[in-house]
């Protein structure tokens, strides 16, 4: 099963026996698209990394602050991919090669125990240890385990965790909205696009906004000016380092580790980009684009309703959102009523959950009353 991780087991009909036959379906190949760029955190520990980033980022680019950041990130993708290939190569092939080299050098040392042969063996062992550490960092990032603490090498554990998670995320069969079962990767993809396009598309456009006149102005002029104030470089830096650097990357492939480790190189362009947003410039689509990731709600997946969509936005988009959030936190207690126990620091949404549960328990004893439960598929 380790050699064929996409394999499936189906229980067939019993046909008069108390034992059900099992059918093993071995999917030896899986349709995979173009492998996207992913920033690898272990790059930052190489002595030549900063020079490579500084050289690539320092080349002049003209345009809006958003276009400058986008162009430099796109160029840096290509430069880092080429640099990684030349510097590290294929780490898995490199480890296999080094293990074979060490085996040969150990035999050579036994035949001829000279200082030169011993030095060659020690050098090969040191190189293997370095690549094993790189491999561990690679699988640790893939696993995305925030609770893990540094300790002994856990490469095998990380690898097994990633393989197990990938197996859970594989969708080999799904039931369409019409009730038909499909197994083709292309058909499943088309069905997913149709389902979530219908779920997230805009509803009927509202033309009458007269109802908003009944909402009082709760934000003072000074508070509004403070929220619209252009952010300083220190404010943007504080936001960048407050975000989780190990969180999953968005469409551009750059994780928070890149922005945090290379802040002294990219700080001016990132700050100008955030300021451009506060000056009223509209966010381009290449900034707001997100990757839609589907997480299973339960073990057995029947329809796309059994999957929870999660949007993975770019880190630059997270920076802008976080700056806005930190400013709104100050005024939220004044505009959100005390009945709403969410969205405000210091309040716990669990209070309303417990209150609702208690009310439901009380209603069971009163035949003249009833409760209703509403479902919001497009809840904010």
Protein backbone atom coordinates (compact mmCIF):
# COMPACT_ATOMS: atom_id res chain seq x y z
CA UNK A 1 0.00 0.00 0.00
CA UNK A 2 2.97 2.32 0.53
CA UNK A 3 4.00 1.79 -3.10
CA UNK A 4 0.45 2.54 -4.29
CA UNK A 5 -0.85 5.30 -1.97
CA UNK A 6 -3.81 6.10 -4.27
CA UNK A 7 -5.19 2.56 -3.94
CA UNK A 8 -8.76 2.05 -2.77
CA UNK A 9 -10.66 -0.85 -1.21
CA UNK A 10 -14.36 -1.35 -1.99
CA UNK A 11 -16.77 -3.74 -0.23
CA UNK A 12 -18.81 -5.74 -2.77
CA UNK A 13 -22.18 -7.46 -2.20
CA UNK A 14 -22.16 -10.62 -0.07
CA UNK A 15 -24.04 -12.87 -2.54
CA UNK A 16 -25.43 -15.30 0.03
CA UNK A 17 -22.37 -15.36 2.27
CA UNK A 18 -21.80 -13.64 5.60
CA UNK A 19 -18.48 -12.38 4.24
CA UNK A 20 -18.26 -9.46 1.80
CA UNK A 21 -15.56 -9.72 -0.89
CA UNK A 22 -13.08 -6.86 -1.08
CA UNK A 23 -12.05 -5.27 -4.36
CA UNK A 24 -8.65 -3.57 -4.44
CA UNK A 25 -8.37 -0.80 -7.04
CA UNK A 26 -4.76 0.20 -7.70
CA UNK A 27 -4.52 3.68 -9.16
CA UNK A 28 -0.89 3.72 -10.23
CA UNK A 29 -1.04 7.11 -11.91
CA UNK A 30 -2.71 10.38 -11.12
CA UNK A 31 -3.25 13.35 -13.37
CA UNK A 32 -1.12 16.19 -12.03
CA UNK A 33 -0.94 19.66 -13.49
CA UNK A 34 2.04 21.98 -13.62
CA UNK A 35 3.92 21.99 -10.32
CA UNK A 36 3.59 25.49 -8.83
CA UNK A 37 6.42 27.47 -7.25
CA UNK A 38 6.75 27.10 -3.49
CA UNK A 39 9.18 29.07 -1.35
CA UNK A 40 11.23 26.63 0.75
CA UNK A 41 12.10 27.91 4.20
CA UNK A 42 15.47 26.14 4.36
CA UNK A 43 16.70 28.45 1.59
CA UNK A 44 16.98 31.27 4.15
CA UNK A 45 19.70 29.37 6.07
CA UNK A 46 22.08 29.28 3.10
CA UNK A 47 24.79 31.94 3.12
CA UNK A 48 24.18 32.86 -0.52
CA UNK A 49 20.42 33.32 -0.20
CA UNK A 50 20.36 36.97 0.85
CA UNK A 51 22.78 37.98 -1.90
CA UNK A 52 20.57 36.27 -4.48
CA UNK A 53 17.43 38.02 -3.21
CA UNK A 54 19.15 41.41 -2.97
CA UNK A 55 20.50 41.12 -6.50
CA UNK A 56 17.16 40.12 -8.00
CA UNK A 57 15.01 42.54 -5.98
CA UNK A 58 17.36 45.46 -6.55
CA UNK A 59 16.82 45.58 -10.31
CA UNK A 60 14.75 48.65 -11.19
CA UNK A 61 11.05 48.22 -12.01
CA UNK A 62 8.66 51.01 -12.95
CA UNK A 63 4.92 51.13 -12.41
CA UNK A 64 2.41 51.37 -9.57
CA UNK A 65 3.47 50.13 -6.11
CA UNK A 66 1.35 47.00 -6.64
CA UNK A 67 2.86 46.32 -10.07
CA UNK A 68 6.40 46.82 -8.72
CA UNK A 69 5.93 44.24 -5.95
CA UNK A 70 4.20 41.80 -8.30
CA UNK A 71 6.89 42.10 -10.99
CA UNK A 72 9.73 41.68 -8.50
CA UNK A 73 8.10 38.64 -6.90
CA UNK A 74 7.52 37.07 -10.30
CA UNK A 75 11.13 37.65 -11.31
CA UNK A 76 12.39 36.39 -7.97
CA UNK A 77 10.47 33.13 -8.47
CA UNK A 78 12.51 32.35 -11.56
CA UNK A 79 15.80 33.45 -10.00
CA UNK A 80 15.29 31.45 -6.79
CA UNK A 81 14.22 28.32 -8.68
CA UNK A 82 17.37 28.48 -10.79
CA UNK A 83 19.56 29.26 -7.76
CA UNK A 84 18.05 26.36 -5.75
CA UNK A 85 18.64 23.92 -8.60
CA UNK A 86 22.28 24.97 -8.86
CA UNK A 87 22.89 25.15 -5.10
CA UNK A 88 20.96 22.18 -3.70
CA UNK A 89 19.92 20.15 -6.73
CA UNK A 90 17.55 17.25 -6.09
CA UNK A 91 17.99 16.70 -2.35
CA UNK A 92 16.55 13.18 -2.43
CA UNK A 93 18.87 12.04 -5.22
CA UNK A 94 21.74 13.81 -3.48
CA UNK A 95 21.10 11.88 -0.25
CA UNK A 96 20.94 8.55 -2.11
CA UNK A 97 24.20 9.37 -3.90
CA UNK A 98 25.96 10.41 -0.68
CA UNK A 99 24.85 7.22 1.08
CA UNK A 100 26.37 5.16 -1.73
CA UNK A 101 29.57 7.25 -1.67
CA UNK A 102 29.92 6.78 2.10
CA UNK A 103 29.45 3.03 1.71
CA UNK A 104 32.27 2.91 -0.85
CA UNK A 105 34.55 5.13 1.26
CA UNK A 106 33.99 2.93 4.32
CA UNK A 107 35.13 -0.09 2.31
CA UNK A 108 38.09 1.90 1.02
CA UNK A 109 39.03 2.92 4.57
CA UNK A 110 38.94 -0.71 5.73
CA UNK A 111 41.24 -1.74 2.88
CA UNK A 112 43.56 1.26 3.27
CA UNK A 113 43.18 3.00 6.68
CA UNK A 114 45.08 6.18 5.80
CA UNK A 115 44.43 9.68 7.16
CA UNK A 116 43.43 10.88 3.69
CA UNK A 117 40.76 8.18 3.34
CA UNK A 118 39.49 8.92 6.85
CA UNK A 119 39.25 12.64 6.04
CA UNK A 120 37.32 11.88 2.84
CA UNK A 121 34.88 9.70 4.78
CA UNK A 122 34.35 12.37 7.45
CA UNK A 123 33.76 14.99 4.76
CA UNK A 124 31.15 12.80 3.05
CA UNK A 125 29.42 12.11 6.38
CA UNK A 126 29.27 15.84 7.14
CA UNK A 127 27.76 16.54 3.72
CA UNK A 128 25.18 13.79 4.22
CA UNK A 129 24.26 15.18 7.64
CA UNK A 130 23.72 18.61 6.08
CA UNK A 131 21.41 17.24 3.40
CA UNK A 132 19.50 15.12 5.92
CA UNK A 133 18.81 18.30 7.90
CA UNK A 134 17.61 20.00 4.70
CA UNK A 135 15.33 17.03 4.00
CA UNK A 136 13.87 17.26 7.49
CA UNK A 137 13.20 20.99 7.05
CA UNK A 138 11.53 20.26 3.70
CA UNK A 139 9.10 17.69 5.10
CA UNK A 140 8.50 19.75 8.23
CA UNK A 141 7.32 22.65 6.07
CA UNK A 142 5.19 20.30 3.97
CA UNK A 143 3.58 18.87 7.10
CA UNK A 144 2.73 22.35 8.40
CA UNK A 145 2.65 21.19 12.02
CA UNK A 146 2.62 24.26 14.29
CA UNK A 147 2.60 22.25 17.51
CA UNK A 148 5.91 20.52 16.76
CA UNK A 149 8.91 21.44 18.89
CA UNK A 150 12.53 21.00 17.93
CA UNK A 151 14.11 17.73 19.00
CA UNK A 152 15.57 14.69 17.35
CA UNK A 153 15.28 14.10 13.61
CA UNK A 154 11.69 13.38 12.60
CA UNK A 155 11.98 13.16 8.80
CA UNK A 156 10.16 9.83 8.60
CA UNK A 157 7.36 11.11 10.82
CA UNK A 158 6.90 14.27 8.73
CA UNK A 159 6.97 12.25 5.51
CA UNK A 160 4.34 9.79 6.77
CA UNK A 161 2.17 12.65 8.01
CA UNK A 162 2.26 14.39 4.62
CA UNK A 163 1.49 11.17 2.74
CA UNK A 164 -1.45 10.43 5.05
CA UNK A 165 -2.84 13.94 4.64
CA UNK A 166 -2.47 13.80 0.87
CA UNK A 167 -4.36 10.51 0.75
CA UNK A 168 -7.26 12.07 2.68
CA UNK A 169 -7.38 15.00 0.24
CA UNK A 170 -7.54 12.82 -2.89
CA UNK A 171 -10.97 12.97 -4.55
CA UNK A 172 -11.26 9.89 -6.75
CA UNK A 173 -15.06 9.88 -6.99
CA UNK A 174 -17.79 12.45 -6.39
CA UNK A 175 -21.54 12.71 -6.87
CA UNK A 176 -22.64 15.63 -9.05
CA UNK A 177 -25.54 17.98 -8.41
CA UNK A 178 -27.61 15.84 -10.80
CA UNK A 179 -26.89 12.69 -8.77
CA UNK A 180 -24.39 11.11 -11.18
CA UNK A 181 -21.09 9.66 -10.00
CA UNK A 182 -17.95 10.80 -11.82
CA UNK A 183 -14.36 9.57 -11.50
CA UNK A 184 -12.45 11.50 -14.17
CA UNK A 185 -10.11 14.17 -12.79
CA UNK A 186 -11.23 16.61 -15.48
CA UNK A 187 -14.93 16.01 -14.79
CA UNK A 188 -14.41 16.35 -11.03
CA UNK A 189 -12.57 19.63 -11.59
CA UNK A 190 -15.33 21.00 -13.83
CA UNK A 191 -17.97 20.00 -11.29
CA UNK A 192 -16.02 21.72 -8.50
CA UNK A 193 -15.82 24.94 -10.52
CA UNK A 194 -19.57 24.82 -11.18
CA UNK A 195 -20.47 24.14 -7.54
CA UNK A 196 -18.36 26.85 -5.97
CA UNK A 197 -19.01 29.38 -8.72
CA UNK A 198 -22.72 29.04 -7.98
CA UNK A 199 -22.05 29.27 -4.24
CA UNK A 200 -19.82 32.35 -4.28
CA UNK A 201 -21.24 34.35 -7.18
CA UNK A 202 -22.85 37.70 -6.45
CA UNK A 203 -26.56 37.75 -5.81
CA UNK A 204 -29.00 40.33 -7.07
CA UNK A 205 -27.45 43.80 -6.99
CA UNK A 206 -29.05 46.12 -4.45
CA UNK A 207 -30.20 49.47 -5.84
CA UNK A 208 -32.08 50.93 -2.88
CA UNK A 209 -29.79 51.96 -0.03
CA UNK A 210 -32.34 54.10 1.82
CA UNK A 211 -32.30 51.67 4.75
CA UNK A 212 -28.74 52.76 5.55
CA UNK A 213 -30.05 56.21 6.51
CA UNK A 214 -31.50 54.68 9.68
CA UNK A 215 -28.06 53.57 10.88
CA UNK A 216 -26.52 56.21 13.18
CA UNK A 217 -22.96 57.47 12.76
CA UNK A 218 -20.99 55.85 15.55
CA UNK A 219 -17.48 56.64 14.31
CA UNK A 220 -16.11 60.02 15.34
CA UNK A 221 -14.29 62.19 12.81
CA UNK A 222 -11.00 61.82 14.67
CA UNK A 223 -11.32 58.01 14.66
CA UNK A 224 -12.08 58.00 10.95
CA UNK A 225 -9.03 60.15 10.23
CA UNK A 226 -6.87 57.81 12.32
CA UNK A 227 -8.08 54.76 10.37
CA UNK A 228 -7.39 56.50 7.04
CA UNK A 229 -3.93 57.70 8.10
CA UNK A 230 -1.05 56.46 5.94
CA UNK A 231 0.74 53.64 7.79
CA UNK A 232 4.36 54.04 8.79
CA UNK A 233 7.11 51.56 7.96
CA UNK A 234 7.25 50.48 11.62
CA UNK A 235 3.51 49.79 11.61
CA UNK A 236 3.79 47.62 8.49
CA UNK A 237 6.84 45.83 9.91
CA UNK A 238 4.98 45.06 13.13
CA UNK A 239 2.14 43.52 11.12
CA UNK A 240 4.50 41.45 8.93
CA UNK A 241 6.22 39.89 11.93
CA UNK A 242 2.94 39.33 13.81
CA UNK A 243 1.64 37.04 11.05
CA UNK A 244 2.47 33.33 11.05
CA UNK A 245 5.49 32.87 8.81
CA UNK A 246 4.89 29.13 8.45
CA UNK A 247 1.29 29.39 7.25
CA UNK A 248 0.36 27.98 3.83
CA UNK A 249 1.35 30.23 0.94
CA UNK A 250 -1.07 31.67 -1.57
CA UNK A 251 -1.10 31.78 -5.35
CA UNK A 252 2.36 33.38 -5.65
CA UNK A 253 4.01 30.62 -3.57
CA UNK A 254 5.82 32.97 -1.14
CA UNK A 255 5.37 32.17 2.55
CA UNK A 256 5.66 34.59 5.43
CA UNK A 257 9.18 33.33 6.12
CA UNK A 258 10.38 35.10 2.97
CA UNK A 259 8.90 38.46 3.94
CA UNK A 260 10.19 38.23 7.51
CA UNK A 261 13.72 37.05 6.69
CA UNK A 262 14.15 39.49 3.77
CA UNK A 263 12.40 42.47 5.35
CA UNK A 264 15.43 44.76 5.19
CA UNK A 265 15.60 44.21 1.42
CA UNK A 266 11.90 44.47 0.52
CA UNK A 267 10.61 46.84 3.23
CA UNK A 268 10.44 49.99 1.09
CA UNK A 269 8.42 48.38 -1.71
CA UNK A 270 6.06 46.58 0.70
CA UNK A 271 5.44 49.77 2.69
CA UNK A 272 4.75 51.78 -0.48
CA UNK A 273 2.29 49.10 -1.61
CA UNK A 274 0.34 49.28 1.67
CA UNK A 275 0.32 53.07 1.53
CA UNK A 276 -1.01 52.96 -2.03
CA UNK A 277 -4.02 51.02 -0.77
CA UNK A 278 -4.72 53.66 1.89
CA UNK A 279 -4.43 56.34 -0.80
CA UNK A 280 -7.45 54.78 -2.51
CA UNK A 281 -5.82 52.66 -5.22
CA UNK A 282 -7.87 49.57 -6.05
CA UNK A 283 -6.32 46.20 -5.27
CA UNK A 284 -5.39 44.38 -8.51
CA UNK A 285 -6.67 40.86 -9.11
CA UNK A 286 -3.18 39.37 -8.85
CA UNK A 287 -3.13 40.59 -5.24
CA UNK A 288 -6.63 39.45 -4.28
CA UNK A 289 -6.53 36.07 -6.07
CA UNK A 290 -6.76 33.11 -3.68
CA UNK A 291 -6.25 29.37 -3.87
CA UNK A 292 -9.41 27.47 -2.92
CA UNK A 293 -8.46 24.40 -0.89
CA UNK A 294 -11.05 21.75 -0.02
CA UNK A 295 -10.87 20.16 3.44
CA UNK A 296 -13.02 17.05 4.15
CA UNK A 297 -15.68 17.50 6.83
CA UNK A 298 -15.96 13.73 7.36
CA UNK A 299 -14.23 10.48 6.44
CA UNK A 300 -16.45 9.47 3.50
CA UNK A 301 -16.81 12.14 0.79
CA UNK A 302 -19.99 11.86 -1.29
CA UNK A 303 -20.60 15.35 -2.67
CA UNK A 304 -18.84 18.70 -2.60
CA UNK A 305 -21.10 19.56 0.32
CA UNK A 306 -18.91 17.22 2.38
CA UNK A 307 -15.91 19.49 1.74
CA UNK A 308 -15.13 22.77 3.46
CA UNK A 309 -13.58 25.41 1.15
CA UNK A 310 -10.69 27.41 2.59
CA UNK A 311 -9.17 30.37 0.74
CA UNK A 312 -5.38 30.70 0.81
CA UNK A 313 -4.58 34.32 0.05
CA UNK A 314 -1.21 35.81 -0.80
CA UNK A 315 0.93 37.12 2.05
CA UNK A 316 0.89 40.68 0.67
CA UNK A 317 -2.90 40.58 0.82
CA UNK A 318 -2.68 39.37 4.43
CA UNK A 319 -0.44 42.32 5.28
CA UNK A 320 -2.96 44.88 4.01
CA UNK A 321 -5.87 43.08 5.70
CA UNK A 322 -3.98 42.90 9.00
CA UNK A 323 -3.15 46.62 8.97
CA UNK A 324 -6.84 47.43 8.45
CA UNK A 325 -7.84 44.93 11.13
CA UNK A 326 -5.47 46.36 13.75
CA UNK A 327 -6.98 49.81 13.22
CA UNK A 328 -10.58 48.58 13.31
CA UNK A 329 -10.01 46.69 16.56
CA UNK A 330 -9.88 50.03 18.39
CA UNK A 331 -13.36 51.17 17.29
CA UNK A 332 -15.19 47.82 17.15
CA UNK A 333 -16.35 47.90 20.81
CA UNK A 334 -18.15 51.18 20.08
CA UNK A 335 -20.06 49.98 16.99
CA UNK A 336 -20.83 46.34 17.93
CA UNK A 337 -23.54 45.89 20.54
CA UNK A 338 -22.88 44.00 23.75
CA UNK A 339 -25.35 41.31 22.62
CA UNK A 340 -22.83 40.26 19.95
CA UNK A 341 -20.15 38.28 21.73
CA UNK A 342 -17.87 37.82 18.71
CA UNK A 343 -15.47 40.07 16.76
CA UNK A 344 -14.38 42.06 19.84
CA UNK A 345 -11.33 41.25 21.95
CA UNK A 346 -12.24 40.23 25.47
CA UNK A 347 -15.62 38.80 24.48
CA UNK A 348 -16.27 35.08 24.08
CA UNK A 349 -18.68 33.73 21.46
CA UNK A 350 -19.06 30.64 23.66
CA UNK A 351 -21.40 32.62 25.92
CA UNK A 352 -24.09 32.81 23.23
CA UNK A 353 -23.54 29.15 22.31
CA UNK A 354 -24.17 28.11 25.90
CA UNK A 355 -27.16 30.46 26.13
CA UNK A 356 -28.70 29.02 22.96
CA UNK A 357 -28.13 25.48 24.20
CA UNK A 358 -29.82 26.31 27.50
CA UNK A 359 -32.78 27.91 25.72
CA UNK A 360 -33.18 24.84 23.51
CA UNK A 361 -33.19 22.59 26.57
CA UNK A 362 -35.86 24.76 28.22
CA UNK A 363 -38.10 24.77 25.13
CA UNK A 364 -38.31 20.98 25.16
CA UNK A 365 -40.40 21.22 28.33
CA UNK A 366 -42.85 23.78 26.91
CA UNK A 367 -45.19 22.38 24.27
CA UNK A 368 -46.53 25.81 23.25
CA UNK A 369 -43.15 27.10 22.04
CA UNK A 370 -40.77 26.09 19.28
CA UNK A 371 -37.23 26.79 18.08
CA UNK A 372 -35.96 27.28 14.54
CA UNK A 373 -32.45 26.70 13.22
CA UNK A 374 -31.26 28.66 10.20
CA UNK A 375 -28.41 27.62 7.90
CA UNK A 376 -26.25 30.22 6.18
CA UNK A 377 -24.32 28.67 3.29
CA UNK A 378 -22.85 32.06 2.44
CA UNK A 379 -22.30 33.27 5.98
CA UNK A 380 -19.61 35.89 6.43
